[in-house]
Amino acid sequence: MEDKIQEFICSNEREIVRNLAELIAIPSVKGEPRGDAPFGNDAKNALLKMRTFCDEMGFKTTIYGDAVLCADYGEDIELGILAHLDVVPVQAENWQTNPFELVERDGVLYGRGAIDDKGPAVASLWALKAVKELGVPLKKGVRLIFGTDEENGSGDLEIYKKYAQFPPNVFTPDGSFPVINIEKGMLGVRFSGNTGGNYMEFRGGNIPNAVAGKAKTIMRKVTADKVRAAIPEDSEAKFTVTERGDNVFISCDGRAAHASTPENGVNAVTALLSLMNRVTDEPGLKGIERLFPHGETDGAALGLKCADASGPLTCVLSTLSIMPSGECEGTVDIRFPTCVDLQTVRDKLCAALDSHKLKYEIVIGNEPHIVSEDSEFVQKLLSVYERVEGEKGHCIAIGGGTYVHNIPGGVAFGAERGDTDYHMHGDNEFITVDELLKDAVLYAHAIIEICG
């Protein structure tokens, strides 16, 4: 059967890539809720496109609350495969290709959602089609679950739970291989206040769960020469400084990264903030820098630094805007290990913000997610991985919250491999053709192992 599955998936490569191309062509960034589109028209259109694929393959489809699509095969559903069709925003000018057009170059597929999570979603779909078309007998049923709000808090899953229960076993291809069984806790906070200045504008970052790759400001009462002289010689961030009349325009290019791995990025927001504080003397602005020093990713300045087997705490000032009046607004993303709880992290962060007279609201707050490595479900997934990939499987802990973070017993099974940087949430996101097909083969075997 392994050879037959491999042959089936490989023989349908063109159709698999075509399905992915049609999904990536839909810019399913969260939009304004409108009527029957709670997360925007583009997210809904991606859902309807996937439903078309599922209907054509002969699966029983249901859309719950215009937010979640389910495609069922068989009765007495035992396994759920949970993937999402929404994506994070793009800065198209930073891409080498059109982010909403799937482009293949030398076996690499570029496009927003290629790895997170449209590519894995398509792989899951074709895995189930392979099982169906090859007539593999299943004792239990399978449900593909496609959502539209993973990137912004998983409000879609709250809608789903109003209509249906999750299957007894759920995995998501929204993480890494072999199996992710531990996810750090998450705290997302939005803050606001006044820096006290009336001579600058600032914009940096565009999503709360990523290290900002771009930031820019307009400053007055300084000269371009003074700003250039203040740029650190060893700065990883790149600055462009232009003087126009009484204004100095500064843009900063950092390196975008997922907020769970800030060490892989260069934060343009904190880099530019640090530069501004070298040439001005504004207490409010300096206060924000003291809370979030450039280059620090462990929350030490907030008194939050800690680590255990699940990894270190990470802290990112992900977005910041400052108006000419000094009114500011920003977001903070914190991922914390299992050795500390949500209340402790929240109290320390809020106390620090209070000390600088910054108002705040909690946007998201989750305790760590832990599933025993010894569970039957995890062991079955590891055995599939070892058999198909030909290497030892193991469990891993991550800082990123996957789609199953709030689903008891849920784990992540793929789709990232090893240390490859797929530019998830960044520019030029990709998946290789080989890995897309490999994922489909793996998921087909997982379906058989758990439901056969």
Protein backbone atom coordinates (compact mmCIF):
# COMPACT_ATOMS: atom_id res chain seq x y z
CA MET A 1 0.00 0.00 0.00
CA GLU A 2 2.89 2.40 0.66
CA ASP A 3 3.97 2.21 -2.97
CA LYS A 4 0.40 2.75 -4.18
CA ILE A 5 -0.05 5.86 -2.05
CA GLN A 6 3.28 7.26 -3.21
CA GLU A 7 2.39 6.56 -6.83
CA PHE A 8 -1.07 8.10 -6.49
CA ILE A 9 0.20 11.32 -4.94
CA CYS A 10 3.09 11.72 -7.39
CA SER A 11 0.85 11.03 -10.39
CA ASN A 12 -1.43 13.89 -9.28
CA GLU A 13 1.33 16.45 -8.74
CA ARG A 14 -0.05 18.90 -11.30
CA GLU A 15 -3.54 18.85 -9.79
CA ILE A 16 -2.17 19.23 -6.27
CA VAL A 17 -0.11 22.26 -7.26
CA ARG A 18 -3.06 23.67 -9.20
CA ASN A 19 -5.29 23.46 -6.12
CA LEU A 20 -2.66 25.27 -4.08
CA ALA A 21 -2.30 27.94 -6.76
CA GLU A 22 -6.04 28.63 -6.74
CA LEU A 23 -6.06 29.03 -2.96
CA ILE A 24 -2.99 31.26 -2.86
CA ALA A 25 -4.59 33.50 -5.50
CA ILE A 26 -7.17 34.45 -2.86
CA PRO A 27 -5.65 37.07 -0.50
CA SER A 28 -7.35 35.65 2.58
CA VAL A 29 -6.00 38.13 5.12
CA LYS A 30 -8.58 38.83 7.82
CA GLY A 31 -10.97 41.56 6.72
CA GLU A 32 -13.96 43.45 8.05
CA PRO A 33 -16.90 41.20 8.98
CA ARG A 34 -19.68 41.53 6.43
CA GLY A 35 -22.95 39.64 6.54
CA ASP A 36 -22.13 36.00 5.99
CA ALA A 37 -18.35 36.56 6.09
CA PRO A 38 -17.34 36.92 9.76
CA PHE A 39 -13.63 37.21 8.93
CA GLY A 40 -13.92 39.11 5.67
CA ASN A 41 -14.89 38.29 2.11
CA ASP A 42 -11.50 36.92 1.08
CA ALA A 43 -11.41 34.42 3.95
CA LYS A 44 -14.90 33.31 3.01
CA ASN A 45 -13.90 32.98 -0.65
CA ALA A 46 -10.99 30.72 0.31
CA LEU A 47 -13.42 28.59 2.29
CA LEU A 48 -15.76 28.29 -0.68
CA LYS A 49 -12.88 27.45 -3.01
CA MET A 50 -11.80 24.61 -0.73
CA ARG A 51 -15.38 23.41 -0.53
CA THR A 52 -15.43 23.16 -4.31
CA PHE A 53 -12.36 20.92 -4.20
CA CYS A 54 -13.88 18.74 -1.46
CA ASP A 55 -17.21 18.42 -3.27
CA GLU A 56 -15.47 17.42 -6.48
CA MET A 57 -13.65 14.67 -4.58
CA GLY A 58 -16.91 13.28 -3.21
CA PHE A 59 -16.60 14.21 0.46
CA LYS A 60 -19.56 15.26 2.58
CA THR A 61 -19.11 18.98 3.23
CA THR A 62 -20.62 21.35 5.79
CA ILE A 63 -19.83 24.99 6.51
CA TYR A 64 -20.42 26.10 10.10
CA GLY A 65 -21.17 29.73 10.81
CA ASP A 66 -19.61 30.83 7.50
CA ALA A 67 -16.26 30.32 9.23
CA VAL A 68 -15.29 26.64 9.21
CA LEU A 69 -15.56 23.99 6.48
CA CYS A 70 -15.75 20.31 7.35
CA ALA A 71 -15.22 17.54 4.81
CA ASP A 72 -16.15 14.11 6.17
CA TYR A 73 -15.26 10.65 4.87
CA GLY A 74 -16.80 7.66 6.59
CA GLU A 75 -18.90 7.35 9.73
CA ASP A 76 -18.04 7.48 13.44
CA ILE A 77 -15.40 10.19 13.03
CA GLU A 78 -12.22 9.34 14.91
CA LEU A 79 -9.63 11.69 13.41
CA GLY A 80 -9.73 15.39 12.68
CA ILE A 81 -7.11 17.12 10.54
CA LEU A 82 -7.30 20.84 11.27
CA ALA A 83 -5.80 23.36 8.82
CA HIS A 84 -6.42 27.04 8.19
CA LEU A 85 -6.98 29.02 5.01
CA ASP A 86 -6.38 32.52 6.37
CA VAL A 87 -2.97 34.13 6.02
CA VAL A 88 -1.01 37.01 7.53
CA PRO A 89 -0.65 40.32 5.67
CA VAL A 90 2.14 40.98 3.18
CA GLN A 91 4.35 43.86 2.18
CA ALA A 92 4.33 43.09 -1.52
CA GLU A 93 7.26 45.38 -2.30
CA ASN A 94 9.53 43.11 -0.25
CA TRP A 95 8.68 39.98 -2.22
CA GLN A 96 10.60 38.72 -5.22
CA THR A 97 7.32 37.40 -6.64
CA ASN A 98 3.65 38.32 -6.42
CA PRO A 99 2.72 36.97 -2.97
CA PHE A 100 -0.76 36.02 -4.17
CA GLU A 101 0.36 34.13 -7.24
CA LEU A 102 1.93 30.71 -6.82
CA VAL A 103 5.30 30.80 -8.56
CA GLU A 104 7.47 27.72 -9.04
CA ARG A 105 11.22 28.12 -9.41
CA ASP A 106 13.56 25.13 -9.39
CA GLY A 107 11.09 22.97 -7.50
CA VAL A 108 10.23 25.66 -4.93
CA LEU A 109 6.68 27.05 -4.64
CA TYR A 110 6.48 30.69 -3.51
CA GLY A 111 3.34 32.40 -2.27
CA ARG A 112 1.65 33.63 0.89
CA GLY A 113 0.24 30.57 2.63
CA ALA A 114 2.52 28.08 0.86
CA ILE A 115 3.72 26.67 4.19
CA ASP A 116 1.27 28.39 6.55
CA ASP A 117 -1.16 26.81 6.01
CA LYS A 118 -2.62 26.42 2.53
CA GLY A 119 0.05 24.03 1.28
CA PRO A 120 -0.43 21.63 4.21
CA ALA A 121 -4.21 22.03 3.87
CA VAL A 122 -4.03 20.88 0.26
CA ALA A 123 -1.72 18.02 1.26
CA SER A 124 -4.30 16.90 3.83
CA LEU A 125 -7.05 17.03 1.23
CA TRP A 126 -5.12 14.89 -1.23
CA ALA A 127 -4.11 12.47 1.52
CA LEU A 128 -7.76 11.74 2.18
CA LYS A 129 -8.47 11.53 -1.55
CA ALA A 130 -5.69 8.95 -1.90
CA VAL A 131 -7.22 6.82 0.85
CA LYS A 132 -10.64 7.09 -0.76
CA GLU A 133 -9.58 6.45 -4.36
CA LEU A 134 -7.35 3.51 -3.45
CA GLY A 135 -10.20 1.90 -1.54
CA VAL A 136 -8.30 1.60 1.74
CA PRO A 137 -10.77 0.15 4.30
CA LEU A 138 -11.29 2.34 7.37
CA LYS A 139 -12.99 1.31 10.59
CA LYS A 140 -13.45 4.93 11.66
CA GLY A 141 -14.21 8.15 9.82
CA VAL A 142 -12.05 11.19 9.07
CA ARG A 143 -12.94 14.88 9.17
CA LEU A 144 -10.94 17.56 7.43
CA ILE A 145 -11.52 20.88 9.22
CA PHE A 146 -10.60 24.09 7.40
CA GLY A 147 -10.80 27.35 9.33
CA THR A 148 -10.41 31.02 8.54
CA ASP A 149 -9.15 32.82 11.66
CA GLU A 150 -6.11 30.98 13.01
CA GLU A 151 -3.82 33.98 12.54
CA ASN A 152 -5.98 36.27 14.66
CA GLY A 153 -7.05 34.30 17.70
CA SER A 154 -8.97 31.30 16.31
CA GLY A 155 -12.39 32.86 16.72
CA ASP A 156 -13.47 30.49 13.95
CA LEU A 157 -13.02 27.51 16.26
CA GLU A 158 -15.27 29.12 18.84
CA ILE A 159 -17.90 29.31 16.13
CA TYR A 160 -17.30 25.67 15.18
CA LYS A 161 -17.80 24.52 18.78
CA LYS A 162 -21.29 26.02 18.76
CA TYR A 163 -22.28 23.53 16.08
CA ALA A 164 -20.07 20.45 16.45
CA GLN A 165 -17.53 18.68 18.64
CA PHE A 166 -13.95 17.97 17.72
CA PRO A 167 -13.14 14.33 16.93
CA PRO A 168 -11.41 12.28 19.67
CA ASN A 169 -8.03 12.74 17.96
CA VAL A 170 -6.97 15.95 16.20
CA PHE A 171 -3.72 16.93 14.57
CA THR A 172 -2.86 20.07 12.67
CA PRO A 173 -0.29 20.47 9.87
CA ASP A 174 0.33 23.95 11.28
CA GLY A 175 3.66 23.30 12.96
CA SER A 176 6.67 21.06 12.48
CA PHE A 177 7.60 17.42 12.13
CA PRO A 178 7.93 15.01 13.79
CA VAL A 179 5.28 15.83 16.47
CA ILE A 180 4.78 18.98 18.53
CA ASN A 181 3.27 17.96 21.86
CA ILE A 182 4.16 21.02 23.95
CA GLU A 183 3.37 24.62 23.08
CA LYS A 184 4.35 27.56 25.22
CA GLY A 185 1.74 29.78 26.78
CA MET A 186 0.83 32.97 24.95
CA LEU A 187 0.11 36.50 26.05
CA GLY A 188 -0.78 39.24 23.61
CA VAL A 189 -1.26 42.81 24.84
CA ARG A 190 -2.18 46.06 23.14
CA PHE A 191 -1.01 49.24 24.90
CA SER A 192 -1.48 52.96 24.38
CA GLY A 193 -0.30 56.20 25.90
CA ASN A 194 1.51 59.41 25.10
CA THR A 195 5.25 59.76 24.55
CA GLY A 196 4.96 63.49 25.24
CA GLY A 197 6.49 64.56 21.93
CA ASN A 198 4.85 66.59 19.19
CA TYR A 199 7.61 66.40 16.64
CA MET A 200 7.59 62.90 15.20
CA GLU A 201 5.56 60.24 13.46
CA PHE A 202 6.35 56.57 13.67
CA ARG A 203 5.01 53.41 12.00
CA GLY A 204 6.47 49.96 12.47
CA GLY A 205 5.23 46.39 12.16
CA ASN A 206 1.90 45.30 10.74
CA ILE A 207 0.91 42.15 12.65
CA PRO A 208 1.06 41.41 16.39
CA ASN A 209 2.61 37.92 16.12
CA ALA A 210 5.73 38.70 14.09
CA VAL A 211 9.03 40.49 14.45
CA ALA A 212 8.70 43.67 12.41
CA GLY A 213 10.82 43.79 9.27
CA LYS A 214 10.05 47.44 8.48
CA ALA A 215 9.66 50.71 10.38
CA LYS A 216 9.75 54.37 9.44
CA THR A 217 9.53 57.76 11.09
CA ILE A 218 9.43 61.48 10.35
CA MET A 219 11.42 63.60 12.80
CA ARG A 220 11.77 67.30 13.33
CA LYS A 221 14.31 69.37 15.28
CA VAL A 222 17.16 67.08 14.23
CA THR A 223 19.42 66.98 11.19
CA ALA A 224 20.09 64.10 8.85
CA ASP A 225 23.80 64.28 9.67
CA LYS A 226 23.08 63.89 13.38
CA VAL A 227 20.91 60.87 12.71
CA ARG A 228 23.48 59.23 10.43
CA ALA A 229 26.20 59.77 13.00
CA ALA A 230 24.07 58.00 15.62
CA ILE A 231 23.64 54.78 13.61
CA PRO A 232 25.65 52.00 15.32
CA GLU A 233 28.46 50.70 13.13
CA ASP A 234 27.58 47.09 13.94
CA SER A 235 23.84 47.49 13.36
CA GLU A 236 22.17 44.52 11.65
CA ALA A 237 19.29 46.82 10.80
CA LYS A 238 19.72 49.02 7.73
CA PHE A 239 18.73 52.68 7.83
CA THR A 240 17.92 55.14 5.08
CA VAL A 241 18.00 58.81 6.11
CA THR A 242 16.68 61.64 3.96
CA GLU A 243 16.34 65.33 4.81
CA ARG A 244 13.49 67.30 3.26
CA GLY A 245 13.18 70.85 4.49
CA ASP A 246 12.70 70.79 8.26
CA ASN A 247 11.87 67.08 8.30
CA VAL A 248 14.12 64.04 8.44
CA PHE A 249 12.68 60.84 7.01
CA ILE A 250 14.14 57.61 8.37
CA SER A 251 13.27 54.10 7.23
CA CYS A 252 14.58 50.96 8.87
CA ASP A 253 14.90 47.52 7.28
CA GLY A 254 15.19 44.71 9.78
CA ARG A 255 14.43 41.04 9.25
CA ALA A 256 10.93 39.69 9.77
CA ALA A 257 10.43 36.49 11.77
CA HIS A 258 7.70 34.67 13.63
CA ALA A 259 7.19 36.06 17.12
CA SER A 260 7.86 32.61 18.59
CA THR A 261 11.43 32.68 17.24
CA PRO A 262 12.44 36.34 17.54
CA GLU A 263 16.12 35.37 17.60
CA ASN A 264 15.78 34.67 13.86
CA GLY A 265 14.76 38.24 13.13
CA VAL A 266 16.01 41.79 13.48
CA ASN A 267 13.30 43.97 14.97
CA ALA A 268 12.95 47.13 12.89
CA VAL A 269 10.63 48.71 15.48
CA THR A 270 13.08 48.50 18.38
CA ALA A 271 16.06 49.30 16.15
CA LEU A 272 14.47 52.53 14.95
CA LEU A 273 13.22 53.39 18.43
CA SER A 274 16.77 53.02 19.74
CA LEU A 275 18.16 55.26 17.00
CA MET A 276 15.57 57.94 17.69
CA ASN A 277 16.48 57.96 21.37
CA ARG A 278 20.12 58.56 20.45
CA VAL A 279 19.22 61.88 18.84
CA THR A 280 16.30 63.08 20.99
CA ASP A 281 15.57 63.41 24.69
CA GLU A 282 11.95 62.38 25.11
CA PRO A 283 11.21 60.54 28.41
CA GLY A 284 8.14 58.73 27.08
CA LEU A 285 10.03 57.40 24.10
CA LYS A 286 12.96 56.34 26.25
CA GLY A 287 10.54 54.60 28.59
CA ILE A 288 9.26 52.33 25.83
CA GLU A 289 12.82 51.49 24.87
CA ARG A 290 13.65 50.61 28.47
CA LEU A 291 10.80 48.10 28.48
CA PHE A 292 11.75 46.62 25.11
CA PRO A 293 15.47 47.14 24.44
CA HIS A 294 16.67 46.44 20.93
CA GLY A 295 18.26 43.01 20.64
CA GLU A 296 16.59 41.64 23.76
CA THR A 297 14.12 38.80 23.13
CA ASP A 298 13.80 37.21 26.59
CA GLY A 299 11.77 39.81 28.49
CA ALA A 300 14.62 40.48 30.92
CA ALA A 301 13.82 44.19 31.14
CA LEU A 302 10.31 43.27 32.28
CA GLY A 303 11.59 40.82 34.89
CA LEU A 304 10.25 37.90 32.88
CA LYS A 305 13.37 36.02 31.84
CA CYS A 306 12.97 32.27 32.44
CA ALA A 307 13.40 28.96 30.63
CA ASP A 308 12.90 25.22 30.98
CA ALA A 309 12.85 22.13 28.75
CA SER A 310 10.16 23.78 26.60
CA GLY A 311 12.52 26.66 25.84
CA PRO A 312 13.00 30.28 26.96
CA LEU A 313 10.37 32.94 27.37
CA THR A 314 10.28 35.25 24.35
CA CYS A 315 9.02 38.81 24.21
CA VAL A 316 8.49 40.95 21.11
CA LEU A 317 7.40 44.56 20.69
CA SER A 318 5.77 43.71 17.39
CA THR A 319 4.00 46.90 16.31
CA LEU A 320 4.27 50.54 17.29
CA SER A 321 2.72 53.72 15.97
CA ILE A 322 3.23 57.26 17.24
CA MET A 323 1.24 60.25 16.04
CA PRO A 324 2.60 63.83 15.88
CA SER A 325 0.66 64.56 19.08
CA GLY A 326 2.68 61.89 20.87
CA GLU A 327 -0.25 59.48 21.12
CA CYS A 328 1.11 55.97 20.72
CA GLU A 329 -0.22 52.46 20.34
CA GLY A 330 1.67 49.19 20.26
CA THR A 331 1.38 45.43 20.63
CA VAL A 332 3.46 42.97 22.61
CA ASP A 333 3.74 39.22 21.95
CA ILE A 334 5.01 36.96 24.75
CA ARG A 335 5.48 33.17 24.60
CA PHE A 336 6.24 31.59 27.98
CA PRO A 337 7.50 28.14 28.99
CA THR A 338 5.76 25.59 31.21
CA CYS A 339 7.69 26.70 34.33
CA VAL A 340 5.58 29.86 34.66
CA ASP A 341 1.85 30.54 34.48
CA LEU A 342 -0.23 33.11 32.63
CA GLN A 343 -1.13 35.09 35.75
CA THR A 344 2.50 35.65 36.70
CA VAL A 345 3.50 36.79 33.22
CA ARG A 346 0.48 39.04 32.89
CA ASP A 347 1.02 40.67 36.28
CA LYS A 348 4.68 41.49 35.59
CA LEU A 349 4.01 42.89 32.12
CA CYS A 350 1.08 44.98 33.26
CA ALA A 351 3.02 46.34 36.24
CA ALA A 352 5.82 47.40 33.90
CA LEU A 353 3.38 49.14 31.55
CA ASP A 354 1.69 50.82 34.51
CA SER A 355 5.03 52.17 35.70
CA HIS A 356 5.36 54.05 32.40
CA LYS A 357 1.75 55.27 32.47
CA LEU A 358 0.77 53.09 29.52
CA LYS A 359 -2.79 51.80 29.30
CA TYR A 360 -3.27 48.22 28.12
CA GLU A 361 -5.73 45.50 27.23
CA ILE A 362 -5.23 41.74 27.03
CA VAL A 363 -5.82 40.56 23.46
CA ILE A 364 -4.98 36.89 23.96
CA GLY A 365 -3.94 34.84 26.96
CA ASN A 366 -3.39 31.08 26.97
CA GLU A 367 -1.67 28.69 29.35
CA PRO A 368 0.89 26.27 27.89
CA HIS A 369 -0.51 23.28 25.96
CA ILE A 370 0.87 19.86 26.91
CA VAL A 371 0.05 16.40 25.54
CA SER A 372 1.80 13.33 26.91
CA GLU A 373 4.44 11.86 24.63
CA ASP A 374 3.23 8.44 25.78
CA SER A 375 -0.33 8.88 24.51
CA GLU A 376 -1.47 6.30 21.96
CA PHE A 377 -2.25 9.04 19.44
CA VAL A 378 1.23 10.59 19.65
CA GLN A 379 2.91 7.20 19.43
CA LYS A 380 0.96 6.30 16.31
CA LEU A 381 1.96 9.53 14.59
CA LEU A 382 5.59 8.99 15.53
CA SER A 383 5.49 5.45 14.14
CA VAL A 384 4.07 6.74 10.85
CA TYR A 385 6.76 9.38 10.65
CA GLU A 386 9.52 6.84 11.26
CA ARG A 387 8.15 4.39 8.71
CA VAL A 388 7.56 6.90 5.92
CA GLU A 389 10.44 9.33 6.52
CA GLY A 390 12.94 6.66 7.46
CA GLU A 391 14.30 8.46 10.50
CA LYS A 392 13.71 8.42 14.23
CA GLY A 393 10.65 10.33 15.39
CA HIS A 394 10.55 12.43 18.53
CA CYS A 395 8.41 15.01 20.27
CA ILE A 396 9.33 18.67 20.39
CA ALA A 397 8.23 21.79 22.25
CA ILE A 398 7.75 25.13 20.50
CA GLY A 399 7.08 28.74 21.30
CA GLY A 400 4.52 29.20 18.56
CA GLY A 401 0.91 28.42 19.23
CA THR A 402 -0.46 26.02 16.64
CA TYR A 403 -4.08 25.64 15.67
CA VAL A 404 -4.67 22.95 18.32
CA HIS A 405 -3.45 25.04 21.24
CA ASN A 406 -6.86 25.01 22.93
CA ILE A 407 -7.96 21.53 21.82
CA PRO A 408 -7.36 18.91 24.54
CA GLY A 409 -5.10 16.16 23.25
CA GLY A 410 -4.40 17.94 19.96
CA VAL A 411 -0.89 17.95 18.50
CA ALA A 412 0.89 19.37 15.47
CA PHE A 413 2.15 16.95 12.81
CA GLY A 414 4.13 18.94 10.24
CA ALA A 415 4.58 20.67 7.99
CA GLU A 416 7.97 22.38 8.56
CA ARG A 417 11.03 20.14 8.53
CA GLY A 418 14.30 20.50 10.41
CA ASP A 419 15.97 23.89 10.52
CA THR A 420 14.68 25.08 7.15
CA ASP A 421 13.51 28.69 7.21
CA TYR A 422 10.35 28.66 5.10
CA HIS A 423 9.87 32.41 5.69
CA MET A 424 6.60 31.72 7.45
CA HIS A 425 4.95 35.08 8.19
CA GLY A 426 7.81 36.69 6.27
CA ASP A 427 8.64 37.68 2.72
CA ASN A 428 8.98 35.02 -0.01
CA GLU A 429 7.24 32.28 1.97
CA PHE A 430 7.63 28.89 0.29
CA ILE A 431 7.26 25.13 0.31
CA THR A 432 9.05 22.74 -2.03
CA VAL A 433 7.12 20.55 -4.43
CA ASP A 434 8.80 17.46 -2.99
CA GLU A 435 7.79 18.34 0.55
CA LEU A 436 4.22 19.15 -0.46
CA LEU A 437 3.90 15.66 -1.96
CA LYS A 438 5.71 14.08 1.00
CA ASP A 439 3.22 15.72 3.35
CA ALA A 440 0.30 14.22 1.46
CA VAL A 441 1.88 10.76 1.65
CA LEU A 442 2.53 11.11 5.38
CA TYR A 443 -0.99 12.27 6.13
CA ALA A 444 -2.48 9.43 4.11
CA HIS A 445 -0.52 6.93 6.20
CA ALA A 446 -1.55 8.72 9.40
CA ILE A 447 -5.20 8.39 8.40
CA ILE A 448 -4.76 4.65 7.80
CA GLU A 449 -2.81 4.13 11.03
CA ILE A 450 -5.41 5.84 13.20
CA CYS A 451 -8.65 4.94 11.41
CA GLY A 452 -7.81 1.76 9.49
